[in-house]
Amino acid sequence: MGAKGTIEHATLACHRCGRETRHELAYAGRLLVVTTCLTCGTAIERDVRRRYLQDLRHRMLSKPGRMARRLCRHPVGFAGSLPRTAVRKPWMLVDEVRLVWSAAADARRRHSDDGGRGR
């Protein structure tokens, strides 16, 4: 999958490998969207579109307050990071949306390919 949100790594049990392996976890905001085994490449995509839109709305509404708190706590750091953040944030949001919608399409396709059985 080309689109990426925030990437974390963890050791998890892979249902295909049959053992604990290193996995890549792709998040959009606070939601886990794709889990990929780095050994065999098996990916589990989740359709989180509805929850993502709710999470995004919450994040957007709370952003001014979070920015104000950061400004009060670390005014110099806040001011220094603002230009870079203002440029990067829209692209990060686009990456999140791509990830969420791509994973939803993959999950729907997998669901229809297996006759709705889930695997």
N, C-alpha and C. Protein backbone atom coordinates (compact mmCIF):
# COMPACT_ATOMS: atom_id res chain seq x y z
N MET A 1 0.85 -1.17 0.00
CA MET A 1 0.00 0.00 0.00
C MET A 1 0.89 1.23 0.00
N GLY A 2 0.63 2.18 -0.88
CA GLY A 2 1.47 3.35 -1.05
C GLY A 2 1.25 4.42 0.01
N ALA A 3 0.02 4.64 0.40
CA ALA A 3 -0.28 5.71 1.36
C ALA A 3 0.17 5.29 2.75
N LYS A 4 0.73 6.24 3.48
CA LYS A 4 1.21 5.95 4.83
C LYS A 4 0.75 7.02 5.79
N GLY A 5 0.34 6.60 6.96
CA GLY A 5 0.06 7.53 8.03
C GLY A 5 1.24 7.48 8.97
N THR A 6 0.99 7.53 10.26
CA THR A 6 2.05 7.38 11.24
C THR A 6 2.38 5.90 11.34
N ILE A 7 3.66 5.58 11.28
CA ILE A 7 4.11 4.18 11.29
C ILE A 7 4.76 3.84 12.63
N GLU A 8 4.33 2.74 13.20
CA GLU A 8 4.93 2.19 14.42
C GLU A 8 5.32 0.74 14.11
N HIS A 9 6.12 0.15 14.98
CA HIS A 9 6.50 -1.25 14.81
C HIS A 9 6.25 -2.00 16.11
N ALA A 10 5.89 -3.27 15.96
CA ALA A 10 5.62 -4.11 17.13
C ALA A 10 5.84 -5.57 16.76
N THR A 11 6.11 -6.38 17.76
CA THR A 11 6.20 -7.82 17.56
C THR A 11 4.85 -8.41 17.90
N LEU A 12 4.24 -9.06 16.89
CA LEU A 12 2.91 -9.64 17.04
C LEU A 12 2.89 -11.05 16.47
N ALA A 13 1.90 -11.83 16.86
CA ALA A 13 1.72 -13.15 16.28
C ALA A 13 1.10 -13.00 14.90
N CYS A 14 1.76 -13.57 13.89
CA CYS A 14 1.25 -13.52 12.52
C CYS A 14 0.45 -14.80 12.26
N HIS A 15 -0.79 -14.62 11.81
CA HIS A 15 -1.63 -15.79 11.56
C HIS A 15 -1.13 -16.58 10.36
N ARG A 16 -0.40 -15.95 9.45
CA ARG A 16 0.10 -16.66 8.27
C ARG A 16 1.44 -17.35 8.56
N CYS A 17 2.35 -16.65 9.23
CA CYS A 17 3.67 -17.22 9.56
C CYS A 17 3.57 -18.26 10.67
N GLY A 18 2.59 -18.08 11.54
CA GLY A 18 2.42 -19.00 12.65
C GLY A 18 3.38 -18.75 13.80
N ARG A 19 4.01 -17.58 13.84
CA ARG A 19 4.93 -17.26 14.94
C ARG A 19 4.94 -15.75 15.17
N GLU A 20 5.62 -15.33 16.22
CA GLU A 20 5.71 -13.91 16.50
C GLU A 20 6.75 -13.29 15.56
N THR A 21 6.33 -12.24 14.87
CA THR A 21 7.20 -11.56 13.92
C THR A 21 7.04 -10.05 14.08
N ARG A 22 7.94 -9.32 13.48
CA ARG A 22 7.88 -7.86 13.52
C ARG A 22 6.81 -7.39 12.53
N HIS A 23 5.97 -6.48 12.98
CA HIS A 23 4.89 -5.94 12.17
C HIS A 23 5.00 -4.42 12.07
N GLU A 24 4.52 -3.90 10.96
CA GLU A 24 4.40 -2.46 10.77
C GLU A 24 2.94 -2.10 11.00
N LEU A 25 2.71 -1.09 11.85
CA LEU A 25 1.36 -0.65 12.17
C LEU A 25 1.18 0.75 11.61
N ALA A 26 0.22 0.93 10.72
CA ALA A 26 -0.03 2.23 10.11
C ALA A 26 -1.28 2.84 10.73
N TYR A 27 -1.11 4.02 11.29
CA TYR A 27 -2.19 4.74 11.95
C TYR A 27 -2.59 5.97 11.14
N ALA A 28 -3.86 6.28 11.17
CA ALA A 28 -4.38 7.55 10.65
C ALA A 28 -4.96 8.25 11.88
N GLY A 29 -4.30 9.29 12.31
CA GLY A 29 -4.71 9.92 13.56
C GLY A 29 -4.46 8.94 14.70
N ARG A 30 -5.51 8.64 15.44
CA ARG A 30 -5.38 7.71 16.57
C ARG A 30 -5.89 6.31 16.24
N LEU A 31 -6.21 6.05 14.97
CA LEU A 31 -6.82 4.78 14.58
C LEU A 31 -5.85 3.87 13.83
N LEU A 32 -5.78 2.62 14.27
CA LEU A 32 -4.98 1.62 13.57
C LEU A 32 -5.71 1.24 12.29
N VAL A 33 -5.04 1.39 11.15
CA VAL A 33 -5.68 1.16 9.86
C VAL A 33 -5.15 -0.11 9.19
N VAL A 34 -3.83 -0.30 9.18
CA VAL A 34 -3.23 -1.45 8.51
C VAL A 34 -2.15 -2.05 9.39
N THR A 35 -2.16 -3.38 9.50
CA THR A 35 -1.11 -4.13 10.18
C THR A 35 -0.46 -5.02 9.14
N THR A 36 0.87 -4.92 9.00
CA THR A 36 1.57 -5.70 7.98
C THR A 36 2.71 -6.48 8.60
N CYS A 37 2.74 -7.79 8.36
CA CYS A 37 3.83 -8.63 8.82
C CYS A 37 5.05 -8.33 7.95
N LEU A 38 6.17 -8.00 8.56
CA LEU A 38 7.38 -7.67 7.81
C LEU A 38 8.13 -8.92 7.37
N THR A 39 7.70 -10.10 7.82
CA THR A 39 8.33 -11.34 7.39
C THR A 39 7.67 -11.88 6.12
N CYS A 40 6.35 -12.00 6.13
CA CYS A 40 5.65 -12.60 4.98
C CYS A 40 4.88 -11.59 4.14
N GLY A 41 4.72 -10.36 4.65
CA GLY A 41 4.03 -9.33 3.89
C GLY A 41 2.51 -9.35 4.01
N THR A 42 1.96 -10.24 4.82
CA THR A 42 0.52 -10.29 5.00
C THR A 42 0.04 -8.99 5.65
N ALA A 43 -0.94 -8.36 5.02
CA ALA A 43 -1.48 -7.11 5.54
C ALA A 43 -2.95 -7.30 5.91
N ILE A 44 -3.33 -6.71 7.02
CA ILE A 44 -4.72 -6.70 7.44
C ILE A 44 -5.17 -5.25 7.42
N GLU A 45 -6.09 -4.95 6.50
CA GLU A 45 -6.61 -3.60 6.37
C GLU A 45 -7.97 -3.52 7.04
N ARG A 46 -8.23 -2.38 7.66
CA ARG A 46 -9.51 -2.17 8.34
C ARG A 46 -10.22 -1.00 7.71
N ASP A 47 -11.53 -1.11 7.59
CA ASP A 47 -12.34 -0.01 7.08
C ASP A 47 -12.75 0.85 8.28
N VAL A 48 -12.02 1.94 8.47
CA VAL A 48 -12.25 2.82 9.63
C VAL A 48 -12.76 4.19 9.18
N ARG A 49 -13.32 4.28 7.99
CA ARG A 49 -13.72 5.59 7.44
C ARG A 49 -14.63 6.37 8.37
N ARG A 50 -15.68 5.77 8.86
CA ARG A 50 -16.63 6.48 9.73
C ARG A 50 -15.94 6.96 11.01
N ARG A 51 -15.20 6.05 11.64
CA ARG A 51 -14.50 6.42 12.87
C ARG A 51 -13.42 7.46 12.61
N TYR A 52 -12.76 7.38 11.43
CA TYR A 52 -11.72 8.35 11.09
C TYR A 52 -12.32 9.75 10.96
N LEU A 53 -13.46 9.85 10.29
CA LEU A 53 -14.10 11.16 10.14
C LEU A 53 -14.48 11.75 11.49
N GLN A 54 -14.96 10.91 12.40
CA GLN A 54 -15.28 11.38 13.75
C GLN A 54 -14.01 11.83 14.48
N ASP A 55 -12.95 11.03 14.36
CA ASP A 55 -11.68 11.35 15.01
C ASP A 55 -11.09 12.63 14.42
N LEU A 56 -11.15 12.78 13.10
CA LEU A 56 -10.62 13.97 12.44
C LEU A 56 -11.38 15.21 12.90
N ARG A 57 -12.69 15.11 12.99
CA ARG A 57 -13.50 16.24 13.46
C ARG A 57 -13.08 16.64 14.87
N HIS A 58 -12.92 15.65 15.75
CA HIS A 58 -12.50 15.92 17.12
C HIS A 58 -11.13 16.59 17.13
N ARG A 59 -10.20 16.07 16.35
CA ARG A 59 -8.85 16.64 16.30
C ARG A 59 -8.86 18.07 15.79
N MET A 60 -9.69 18.35 14.78
CA MET A 60 -9.76 19.70 14.23
C MET A 60 -10.37 20.68 15.23
N LEU A 61 -11.40 20.24 15.93
CA LEU A 61 -12.04 21.12 16.92
C LEU A 61 -11.14 21.38 18.13
N SER A 62 -10.32 20.41 18.48
CA SER A 62 -9.45 20.58 19.64
C SER A 62 -8.10 21.23 19.29
N LYS A 63 -7.79 21.37 18.01
CA LYS A 63 -6.49 21.90 17.59
C LYS A 63 -6.20 23.31 18.13
N PRO A 64 -7.12 24.26 18.05
CA PRO A 64 -6.80 25.60 18.58
C PRO A 64 -6.40 25.57 20.06
N GLY A 65 -7.10 24.79 20.86
CA GLY A 65 -6.76 24.70 22.28
C GLY A 65 -5.41 24.05 22.50
N ARG A 66 -5.10 23.00 21.72
CA ARG A 66 -3.80 22.35 21.85
C ARG A 66 -2.68 23.29 21.43
N MET A 67 -2.93 24.06 20.37
CA MET A 67 -1.91 25.03 19.92
C MET A 67 -1.69 26.11 20.98
N ALA A 68 -2.77 26.60 21.58
CA ALA A 68 -2.66 27.65 22.61
C ALA A 68 -1.87 27.13 23.82
N ARG A 69 -2.16 25.89 24.25
CA ARG A 69 -1.42 25.31 25.38
C ARG A 69 0.07 25.18 25.05
N ARG A 70 0.36 24.75 23.83
CA ARG A 70 1.77 24.59 23.44
C ARG A 70 2.46 25.95 23.38
N LEU A 71 1.75 26.96 22.87
CA LEU A 71 2.30 28.31 22.81
C LEU A 71 2.64 28.82 24.22
N CYS A 72 1.75 28.58 25.17
CA CYS A 72 1.99 29.03 26.56
C CYS A 72 3.15 28.28 27.20
N ARG A 73 3.23 26.98 26.96
CA ARG A 73 4.27 26.16 27.59
C ARG A 73 5.65 26.36 26.97
N HIS A 74 5.70 26.45 25.63
CA HIS A 74 6.97 26.51 24.91
C HIS A 74 6.88 27.53 23.78
N PRO A 75 6.82 28.83 24.11
CA PRO A 75 6.61 29.84 23.07
C PRO A 75 7.69 29.86 21.98
N VAL A 76 8.95 29.71 22.36
CA VAL A 76 10.03 29.76 21.37
C VAL A 76 9.98 28.53 20.47
N GLY A 77 9.83 27.36 21.07
CA GLY A 77 9.75 26.13 20.28
C GLY A 77 8.53 26.14 19.37
N PHE A 78 7.42 26.63 19.88
CA PHE A 78 6.19 26.71 19.09
C PHE A 78 6.40 27.61 17.88
N ALA A 79 6.94 28.80 18.12
CA ALA A 79 7.16 29.76 17.03
C ALA A 79 8.15 29.21 16.00
N GLY A 80 9.17 28.52 16.47
CA GLY A 80 10.16 27.96 15.56
C GLY A 80 9.64 26.83 14.70
N SER A 81 8.70 26.06 15.24
CA SER A 81 8.19 24.91 14.50
C SER A 81 7.00 25.26 13.61
N LEU A 82 6.40 26.41 13.82
CA LEU A 82 5.17 26.76 13.11
C LEU A 82 5.32 26.79 11.58
N PRO A 83 6.37 27.41 11.03
CA PRO A 83 6.47 27.42 9.56
C PRO A 83 6.55 26.01 8.95
N ARG A 84 7.36 25.15 9.53
CA ARG A 84 7.50 23.78 9.01
C ARG A 84 6.19 23.01 9.18
N THR A 85 5.57 23.15 10.33
CA THR A 85 4.32 22.45 10.59
C THR A 85 3.22 22.92 9.65
N ALA A 86 3.16 24.22 9.39
CA ALA A 86 2.12 24.77 8.50
C ALA A 86 2.25 24.21 7.09
N VAL A 87 3.47 23.91 6.67
CA VAL A 87 3.68 23.34 5.34
C VAL A 87 3.43 21.84 5.34
N ARG A 88 3.88 21.14 6.36
CA ARG A 88 3.80 19.67 6.40
C ARG A 88 2.42 19.12 6.75
N LYS A 89 1.69 19.80 7.61
CA LYS A 89 0.43 19.27 8.14
C LYS A 89 -0.59 18.94 7.05
N PRO A 90 -0.81 19.81 6.06
CA PRO A 90 -1.78 19.45 5.01
C PRO A 90 -1.38 18.17 4.26
N TRP A 91 -0.09 17.99 4.01
CA TRP A 91 0.36 16.78 3.31
C TRP A 91 0.19 15.55 4.19
N MET A 92 0.41 15.70 5.48
CA MET A 92 0.19 14.58 6.40
C MET A 92 -1.29 14.18 6.41
N LEU A 93 -2.15 15.17 6.37
CA LEU A 93 -3.59 14.91 6.34
C LEU A 93 -3.98 14.18 5.04
N VAL A 94 -3.43 14.61 3.92
CA VAL A 94 -3.69 13.94 2.64
C VAL A 94 -3.22 12.49 2.71
N ASP A 95 -2.05 12.24 3.29
CA ASP A 95 -1.55 10.87 3.44
C ASP A 95 -2.49 10.03 4.30
N GLU A 96 -3.00 10.61 5.39
CA GLU A 96 -3.95 9.89 6.25
C GLU A 96 -5.20 9.50 5.48
N VAL A 97 -5.77 10.45 4.76
CA VAL A 97 -7.01 10.19 4.02
C VAL A 97 -6.76 9.10 2.97
N ARG A 98 -5.65 9.18 2.27
CA ARG A 98 -5.32 8.14 1.27
C ARG A 98 -5.22 6.77 1.93
N LEU A 99 -4.55 6.71 3.07
CA LEU A 99 -4.40 5.45 3.79
C LEU A 99 -5.75 4.88 4.18
N VAL A 100 -6.60 5.71 4.76
CA VAL A 100 -7.91 5.25 5.24
C VAL A 100 -8.76 4.74 4.08
N TRP A 101 -8.84 5.51 2.99
CA TRP A 101 -9.70 5.10 1.88
C TRP A 101 -9.11 3.92 1.11
N SER A 102 -7.80 3.85 1.00
CA SER A 102 -7.17 2.71 0.33
C SER A 102 -7.38 1.43 1.14
N ALA A 103 -7.20 1.50 2.45
CA ALA A 103 -7.41 0.33 3.30
C ALA A 103 -8.86 -0.11 3.26
N ALA A 104 -9.79 0.84 3.23
CA ALA A 104 -11.21 0.49 3.15
C ALA A 104 -11.51 -0.23 1.85
N ALA A 105 -10.94 0.24 0.74
CA ALA A 105 -11.15 -0.42 -0.55
C ALA A 105 -10.57 -1.82 -0.53
N ASP A 106 -9.37 -1.98 0.04
CA ASP A 106 -8.75 -3.31 0.12
C ASP A 106 -9.57 -4.24 1.01
N ALA A 107 -10.07 -3.72 2.12
CA ALA A 107 -10.88 -4.54 3.03
C ALA A 107 -12.18 -4.97 2.36
N ARG A 108 -12.82 -4.05 1.63
CA ARG A 108 -14.05 -4.40 0.91
C ARG A 108 -13.78 -5.44 -0.17
N ARG A 109 -12.67 -5.26 -0.90
CA ARG A 109 -12.31 -6.20 -1.96
C ARG A 109 -12.03 -7.59 -1.37
N ARG A 110 -11.29 -7.64 -0.27
CA ARG A 110 -10.99 -8.92 0.37
C ARG A 110 -12.28 -9.59 0.85
N HIS A 111 -13.17 -8.77 1.41
CA HIS A 111 -14.45 -9.29 1.92
C HIS A 111 -15.28 -9.87 0.77
N SER A 112 -15.31 -9.20 -0.37
CA SER A 112 -16.11 -9.71 -1.49
C SER A 112 -15.43 -10.91 -2.15
N ASP A 113 -14.07 -10.95 -2.16
CA ASP A 113 -13.35 -12.07 -2.76
C ASP A 113 -13.54 -13.37 -1.99
N ASP A 114 -13.72 -13.26 -0.66
CA ASP A 114 -13.87 -14.49 0.13
C ASP A 114 -15.34 -14.78 0.42
N GLY A 115 -16.23 -14.13 -0.32
CA GLY A 115 -17.65 -14.40 -0.16
C GLY A 115 -18.21 -13.88 1.15
N GLY A 116 -17.52 -12.92 1.79
CA GLY A 116 -18.03 -12.35 3.03
C GLY A 116 -17.70 -13.17 4.25
N ARG A 117 -16.83 -14.17 4.11
CA ARG A 117 -16.50 -15.04 5.24
C ARG A 117 -15.45 -14.45 6.18
N GLY A 118 -14.78 -13.33 5.77
CA GLY A 118 -13.80 -12.72 6.66
C GLY A 118 -12.40 -13.20 6.44
N ARG A 119 -12.15 -14.24 5.72
CA ARG A 119 -10.79 -14.74 5.37
C ARG A 119 -10.88 -15.59 4.16
